[in-house]
Amino acid sequence: MKKNLGMLTLLFLIIACAAPSDDPDPNSGNNNGSNTGSGTLGKGQPGIVGIAGIDAWEKLASGEKERIKDFNTLFLHQSVGQDLEEGAKANGFPFDYYGPGDKTDKGLRGGIFVDVGGIANGNPSEKIRVFRENATRNKDLLQIAIFKFGYADIMDDNFEKVKTEYKAFVDALRLQSPNLRFVHITPPLVYSTTSFEGNAAKMKVGQWMKDTFKGTDIIFDLQALEANDGACQQNSVWRICPENRNSASDPSDVNGVDSSDGQGHIGKKAGQRISKALLMSIYNAGK
């Protein structure tokens, strides 16, 4: 009898060890840092992310930061966007390359308009078209949309048209995909404040973005980060600060050193710092 009881006890222990645990996996939800996409988004936290977003990102727990790697995100841009991507990579959050025909099924995806649609700077309408086409093709996968204008896209003679077309573009995507989240980016600035270079027009579009979308979406206020909240300006027109601009002491990994004041690329060190606010923007979109 005792022998039988011993055998039954041993059998019970074997079954108990083999049975799956009801305890939740402490690593579930972040895939240990893998970049698989299709993460679960929360309600999000609409609003403007500026300089304070850098410190907010730094204070996040590592597990919370890792969550964004699972958010299916499309970030289309041009050269300043490359500076931001390099900065995000330096912070441990690389964007997988997104090219023509690719899918938004691998978490963070980033691409440049000249690759994805053959669109050069100075043609904002075509950039909007290309982004919309790619978002529509990926409507069952895409969770967070991030469109970024280039500094050559917005000038005094077209900023009202850009506002109209951009709003129609956002409204169309929102109607098509009601659960899609948006991170809007205020247009990047250049160093020159002459009317010919359009910083005043870019500021008007940036302010319009904040006024229009802050109640529903995230606005990554790149202008505030580039100009140190307006510390760098001339005649009330903001410009990218010298310490944020690519220079001989802080060149861009992909764009080197600017050769004219009509440019506004971001230095490597500055990009690593500024991109933390972009990562915080993505986090807020899905938190």
Protein backbone atom coordinates (compact mmCIF):
# COMPACT_ATOMS: atom_id res chain seq x y z
CA MET A 1 0.00 0.00 0.00
CA LYS A 2 2.80 2.40 0.93
CA LYS A 3 4.52 1.52 -2.32
CA ASN A 4 1.38 2.38 -4.27
CA LEU A 5 1.03 5.71 -2.45
CA GLY A 6 4.64 6.52 -3.28
CA MET A 7 4.09 5.79 -6.95
CA LEU A 8 0.95 7.98 -7.00
CA THR A 9 2.82 10.84 -5.34
CA LEU A 10 5.64 10.60 -7.87
CA LEU A 11 3.14 10.56 -10.77
CA PHE A 12 1.39 13.66 -9.38
CA LEU A 13 4.68 15.55 -9.14
CA ILE A 14 5.58 14.69 -12.74
CA ILE A 15 2.22 15.93 -14.03
CA ALA A 16 2.42 19.10 -11.94
CA CYS A 17 5.87 19.94 -13.28
CA ALA A 18 4.81 19.34 -16.87
CA ALA A 19 1.59 21.37 -16.66
CA PRO A 20 1.74 24.95 -17.97
CA SER A 21 1.87 27.68 -15.36
CA ASP A 22 -1.02 30.07 -14.87
CA ASP A 23 1.43 32.81 -13.90
CA PRO A 24 1.90 35.48 -16.58
CA ASP A 25 5.22 35.54 -18.37
CA PRO A 26 7.17 38.52 -16.98
CA ASN A 27 8.75 39.00 -20.41
CA SER A 28 5.52 38.91 -22.40
CA GLY A 29 4.58 42.07 -24.28
CA ASN A 30 8.10 43.21 -25.11
CA ASN A 31 9.52 40.12 -26.85
CA ASN A 32 12.80 40.69 -25.00
CA GLY A 33 13.57 43.60 -27.29
CA SER A 34 12.80 41.81 -30.56
CA ASN A 35 11.24 43.81 -33.38
CA THR A 36 8.23 41.78 -34.48
CA GLY A 37 5.49 44.38 -34.81
CA SER A 38 1.78 44.10 -34.02
CA GLY A 39 2.15 45.30 -30.45
CA THR A 40 -0.96 46.08 -28.43
CA LEU A 41 -1.63 49.79 -28.27
CA GLY A 42 -3.26 51.52 -25.34
CA LYS A 43 -5.51 54.57 -25.52
CA GLY A 44 -2.61 56.89 -26.23
CA GLN A 45 -1.90 60.33 -24.80
CA PRO A 46 -2.51 63.18 -27.29
CA GLY A 47 -0.51 66.37 -26.97
CA ILE A 48 2.68 68.19 -27.89
CA VAL A 49 6.10 66.63 -27.29
CA GLY A 50 8.93 69.15 -27.26
CA ILE A 51 12.14 69.58 -25.29
CA ALA A 52 10.59 68.08 -22.16
CA GLY A 53 10.12 64.87 -24.16
CA ILE A 54 13.86 64.19 -23.91
CA ASP A 55 13.80 63.98 -20.13
CA ALA A 56 10.48 62.10 -20.18
CA TRP A 57 12.02 59.42 -22.40
CA GLU A 58 15.10 59.13 -20.22
CA LYS A 59 12.91 58.57 -17.16
CA LEU A 60 10.90 55.75 -18.73
CA ALA A 61 11.58 52.23 -17.47
CA SER A 62 13.48 50.14 -20.01
CA GLY A 63 10.55 47.74 -20.36
CA GLU A 64 8.23 50.61 -21.30
CA LYS A 65 10.72 51.89 -23.88
CA GLU A 66 10.94 48.44 -25.45
CA ARG A 67 7.21 48.43 -26.12
CA ILE A 68 7.57 50.80 -29.08
CA LYS A 69 9.58 48.20 -30.99
CA ASP A 70 6.34 46.26 -31.34
CA PHE A 71 4.25 49.16 -32.64
CA ASN A 72 3.82 48.88 -36.42
CA THR A 73 5.03 52.34 -37.36
CA LEU A 74 5.71 53.98 -40.72
CA PHE A 75 8.04 57.00 -40.72
CA LEU A 76 8.58 58.57 -44.16
CA HIS A 77 10.86 61.57 -44.52
CA GLN A 78 13.94 62.84 -46.32
CA SER A 79 17.40 63.86 -45.13
CA VAL A 80 16.62 65.44 -41.73
CA GLY A 81 14.57 62.36 -41.03
CA GLN A 82 17.68 60.31 -41.66
CA ASP A 83 19.43 62.33 -38.96
CA LEU A 84 16.59 61.48 -36.59
CA GLU A 85 16.70 57.81 -37.55
CA GLU A 86 20.44 57.71 -36.85
CA GLY A 87 19.82 59.32 -33.49
CA ALA A 88 17.13 56.77 -32.63
CA LYS A 89 19.50 53.97 -33.64
CA ALA A 90 22.19 55.38 -31.35
CA ASN A 91 19.65 55.21 -28.55
CA GLY A 92 19.02 51.53 -29.25
CA PHE A 93 15.85 51.90 -31.33
CA PRO A 94 16.69 51.42 -35.02
CA PHE A 95 14.08 51.73 -37.74
CA ASP A 96 14.05 48.86 -40.23
CA TYR A 97 14.45 50.08 -43.80
CA TYR A 98 11.18 50.60 -45.66
CA GLY A 99 11.28 50.57 -49.45
CA PRO A 100 8.86 50.27 -52.38
CA GLY A 101 6.31 47.51 -51.83
CA ASP A 102 7.39 46.78 -48.26
CA LYS A 103 4.97 45.98 -45.45
CA THR A 104 4.59 47.69 -42.10
CA ASP A 105 4.73 44.43 -40.18
CA LYS A 106 8.09 44.68 -38.40
CA GLY A 107 7.59 47.35 -35.77
CA LEU A 108 9.52 50.56 -36.47
CA ARG A 109 9.94 51.12 -40.22
CA GLY A 110 11.57 54.16 -41.81
CA GLY A 111 12.11 55.23 -45.40
CA ILE A 112 12.90 58.25 -47.53
CA PHE A 113 10.49 59.61 -50.12
CA VAL A 114 13.08 59.55 -52.88
CA ASP A 115 13.40 55.77 -52.42
CA VAL A 116 9.77 54.89 -51.73
CA GLY A 117 8.22 57.07 -54.42
CA GLY A 118 10.99 58.83 -56.33
CA ILE A 119 9.91 62.14 -54.78
CA ALA A 120 12.53 64.82 -54.21
CA ASN A 121 12.37 67.69 -51.73
CA GLY A 122 10.26 70.66 -52.75
CA ASN A 123 7.24 68.57 -53.77
CA PRO A 124 5.04 68.25 -50.65
CA SER A 125 1.90 67.28 -52.59
CA GLU A 126 3.59 64.23 -54.07
CA LYS A 127 5.03 63.25 -50.70
CA ILE A 128 1.51 63.31 -49.26
CA ARG A 129 0.29 61.15 -52.13
CA VAL A 130 3.06 58.59 -51.67
CA PHE A 131 2.51 58.32 -47.93
CA ARG A 132 -1.22 57.91 -48.37
CA GLU A 133 -0.75 55.17 -50.95
CA ASN A 134 1.61 53.22 -48.69
CA ALA A 135 -0.58 53.68 -45.63
CA THR A 136 -3.60 52.49 -47.60
CA ARG A 137 -1.76 49.44 -48.90
CA ASN A 138 -0.85 48.58 -45.30
CA LYS A 139 -4.13 49.61 -43.69
CA ASP A 140 -4.59 46.22 -42.01
CA LEU A 141 -1.09 46.36 -40.48
CA LEU A 142 -0.17 49.97 -39.84
CA GLN A 143 -0.72 51.29 -36.31
CA ILE A 144 1.20 54.59 -36.16
CA ALA A 145 1.72 57.00 -39.08
CA ILE A 146 4.56 59.55 -39.01
CA PHE A 147 4.80 61.93 -41.96
CA LYS A 148 7.62 64.48 -42.05
CA PHE A 149 8.01 67.39 -44.43
CA GLY A 150 11.47 68.46 -45.57
CA TYR A 151 12.76 71.99 -45.02
CA ALA A 152 12.52 72.68 -48.77
CA ASP A 153 8.84 71.72 -48.94
CA ILE A 154 7.22 74.71 -47.26
CA MET A 155 7.69 78.31 -48.34
CA ASP A 156 5.77 81.59 -48.25
CA ASP A 157 4.03 80.85 -51.55
CA ASN A 158 2.61 77.42 -50.72
CA PHE A 159 2.11 76.99 -46.98
CA GLU A 160 -1.67 77.51 -47.10
CA LYS A 161 -1.99 74.89 -49.82
CA VAL A 162 0.18 72.51 -47.81
CA LYS A 163 -2.07 72.93 -44.76
CA THR A 164 -5.19 72.16 -46.81
CA GLU A 165 -3.70 69.09 -48.49
CA TYR A 166 -2.20 67.73 -45.28
CA LYS A 167 -5.50 68.06 -43.39
CA ALA A 168 -7.37 66.27 -46.20
CA PHE A 169 -4.74 63.53 -46.16
CA VAL A 170 -5.05 62.99 -42.40
CA ASP A 171 -8.84 63.05 -42.52
CA ALA A 172 -8.88 60.47 -45.32
CA LEU A 173 -6.58 58.08 -43.46
CA ARG A 174 -8.53 58.53 -40.24
CA LEU A 175 -11.77 57.71 -42.04
CA GLN A 176 -10.19 54.69 -43.69
CA SER A 177 -8.52 53.42 -40.49
CA PRO A 178 -10.27 54.81 -37.39
CA ASN A 179 -7.75 53.18 -35.04
CA LEU A 180 -4.68 54.58 -36.81
CA ARG A 181 -2.52 56.82 -34.60
CA PHE A 182 -0.72 59.90 -35.93
CA VAL A 183 2.53 61.55 -34.91
CA HIS A 184 2.68 64.92 -36.67
CA ILE A 185 6.08 66.62 -37.01
CA THR A 186 6.47 70.39 -37.16
CA PRO A 187 8.48 71.16 -40.34
CA PRO A 188 12.25 71.41 -39.83
CA LEU A 189 13.98 74.78 -39.85
CA VAL A 190 17.08 76.01 -41.64
CA TYR A 191 19.70 78.40 -40.29
CA SER A 192 18.85 81.37 -42.52
CA THR A 193 15.89 83.51 -41.50
CA THR A 194 15.47 85.29 -44.84
CA SER A 195 11.97 85.11 -46.30
CA PHE A 196 13.39 83.25 -49.28
CA GLU A 197 14.24 80.25 -47.06
CA GLY A 198 10.76 80.05 -45.55
CA ASN A 199 11.33 79.59 -41.81
CA ALA A 200 8.42 81.94 -41.04
CA ALA A 201 6.14 79.82 -43.25
CA LYS A 202 7.38 76.63 -41.63
CA MET A 203 6.58 78.10 -38.21
CA LYS A 204 3.05 78.94 -39.34
CA VAL A 205 2.48 75.35 -40.45
CA GLY A 206 4.00 74.05 -37.22
CA GLN A 207 1.70 76.21 -35.09
CA TRP A 208 -1.26 75.17 -37.22
CA MET A 209 -0.41 71.51 -36.61
CA LYS A 210 -0.34 72.08 -32.87
CA ASP A 211 -3.61 74.00 -32.86
CA THR A 212 -5.35 71.50 -35.13
CA PHE A 213 -4.22 68.10 -33.85
CA LYS A 214 -3.12 68.45 -30.22
CA GLY A 215 -6.49 67.23 -28.93
CA THR A 216 -6.48 63.99 -30.90
CA ASP A 217 -2.91 63.13 -31.89
CA ILE A 218 0.74 63.54 -30.96
CA ILE A 219 2.72 66.49 -32.30
CA PHE A 220 6.50 66.05 -32.23
CA ASP A 221 7.60 69.68 -32.07
CA LEU A 222 10.85 69.38 -33.97
CA GLN A 223 11.02 73.15 -34.39
CA ALA A 224 11.09 73.68 -30.62
CA LEU A 225 13.92 71.16 -30.29
CA GLU A 226 15.93 72.60 -33.16
CA ALA A 227 15.56 76.23 -32.03
CA ASN A 228 15.78 75.51 -28.27
CA ASP A 229 12.24 76.84 -27.76
CA GLY A 230 12.98 79.98 -29.73
CA ALA A 231 16.31 80.82 -28.09
CA CYS A 232 17.77 80.90 -31.60
CA GLN A 233 15.89 83.44 -33.71
CA GLN A 234 16.25 86.61 -35.71
CA ASN A 235 13.50 89.23 -36.04
CA SER A 236 11.07 86.81 -34.32
CA VAL A 237 11.80 84.08 -36.89
CA TRP A 238 13.18 80.89 -35.38
CA ARG A 239 16.24 79.14 -36.78
CA ILE A 240 18.06 75.90 -36.02
CA CYS A 241 20.61 76.55 -33.26
CA PRO A 242 24.31 76.16 -34.12
CA GLU A 243 24.69 73.49 -31.42
CA ASN A 244 21.93 71.41 -33.03
CA ARG A 245 23.04 71.90 -36.62
CA ASN A 246 25.59 69.57 -38.20
CA SER A 247 29.05 71.09 -38.00
CA ALA A 248 32.72 70.17 -38.19
CA SER A 249 32.60 69.35 -34.47
CA ASP A 250 29.33 67.41 -34.77
CA PRO A 251 28.77 66.25 -38.37
CA SER A 252 25.77 64.23 -39.45
CA ASP A 253 26.39 60.53 -40.08
CA VAL A 254 24.51 60.69 -43.37
CA ASN A 255 24.50 64.38 -44.32
CA GLY A 256 27.97 65.52 -43.32
CA VAL A 257 28.28 69.27 -42.74
CA ASP A 258 25.92 71.84 -44.26
CA SER A 259 27.49 74.02 -46.91
CA SER A 260 24.95 76.87 -46.83
CA ASP A 261 22.68 78.70 -44.38
CA GLY A 262 19.71 77.51 -46.40
CA GLN A 263 20.16 74.03 -44.97
CA GLY A 264 19.28 72.62 -41.55
CA HIS A 265 20.58 69.10 -41.01
CA ILE A 266 21.11 67.84 -37.48
CA GLY A 267 24.47 66.80 -36.01
CA LYS A 268 25.10 63.28 -34.76
CA LYS A 269 25.21 64.14 -31.05
CA ALA A 270 22.29 66.54 -31.38
CA GLY A 271 20.33 63.92 -33.30
CA GLN A 272 20.81 61.36 -30.56
CA ARG A 273 19.47 63.84 -28.02
CA ILE A 274 16.58 65.20 -30.13
CA SER A 275 15.45 61.76 -31.29
CA LYS A 276 14.60 60.84 -27.70
CA ALA A 277 11.63 63.19 -27.99
CA LEU A 278 10.61 61.44 -31.23
CA LEU A 279 10.75 58.07 -29.45
CA MET A 280 8.68 59.56 -26.63
CA SER A 281 6.15 60.73 -29.21
CA ILE A 282 5.79 57.19 -30.53
CA TYR A 283 5.45 55.89 -26.98
CA ASN A 284 2.71 58.41 -26.20
CA ALA A 285 0.84 57.42 -29.36
CA GLY A 286 0.61 53.82 -28.17
CA LYS A 287 0.73 54.02 -24.38
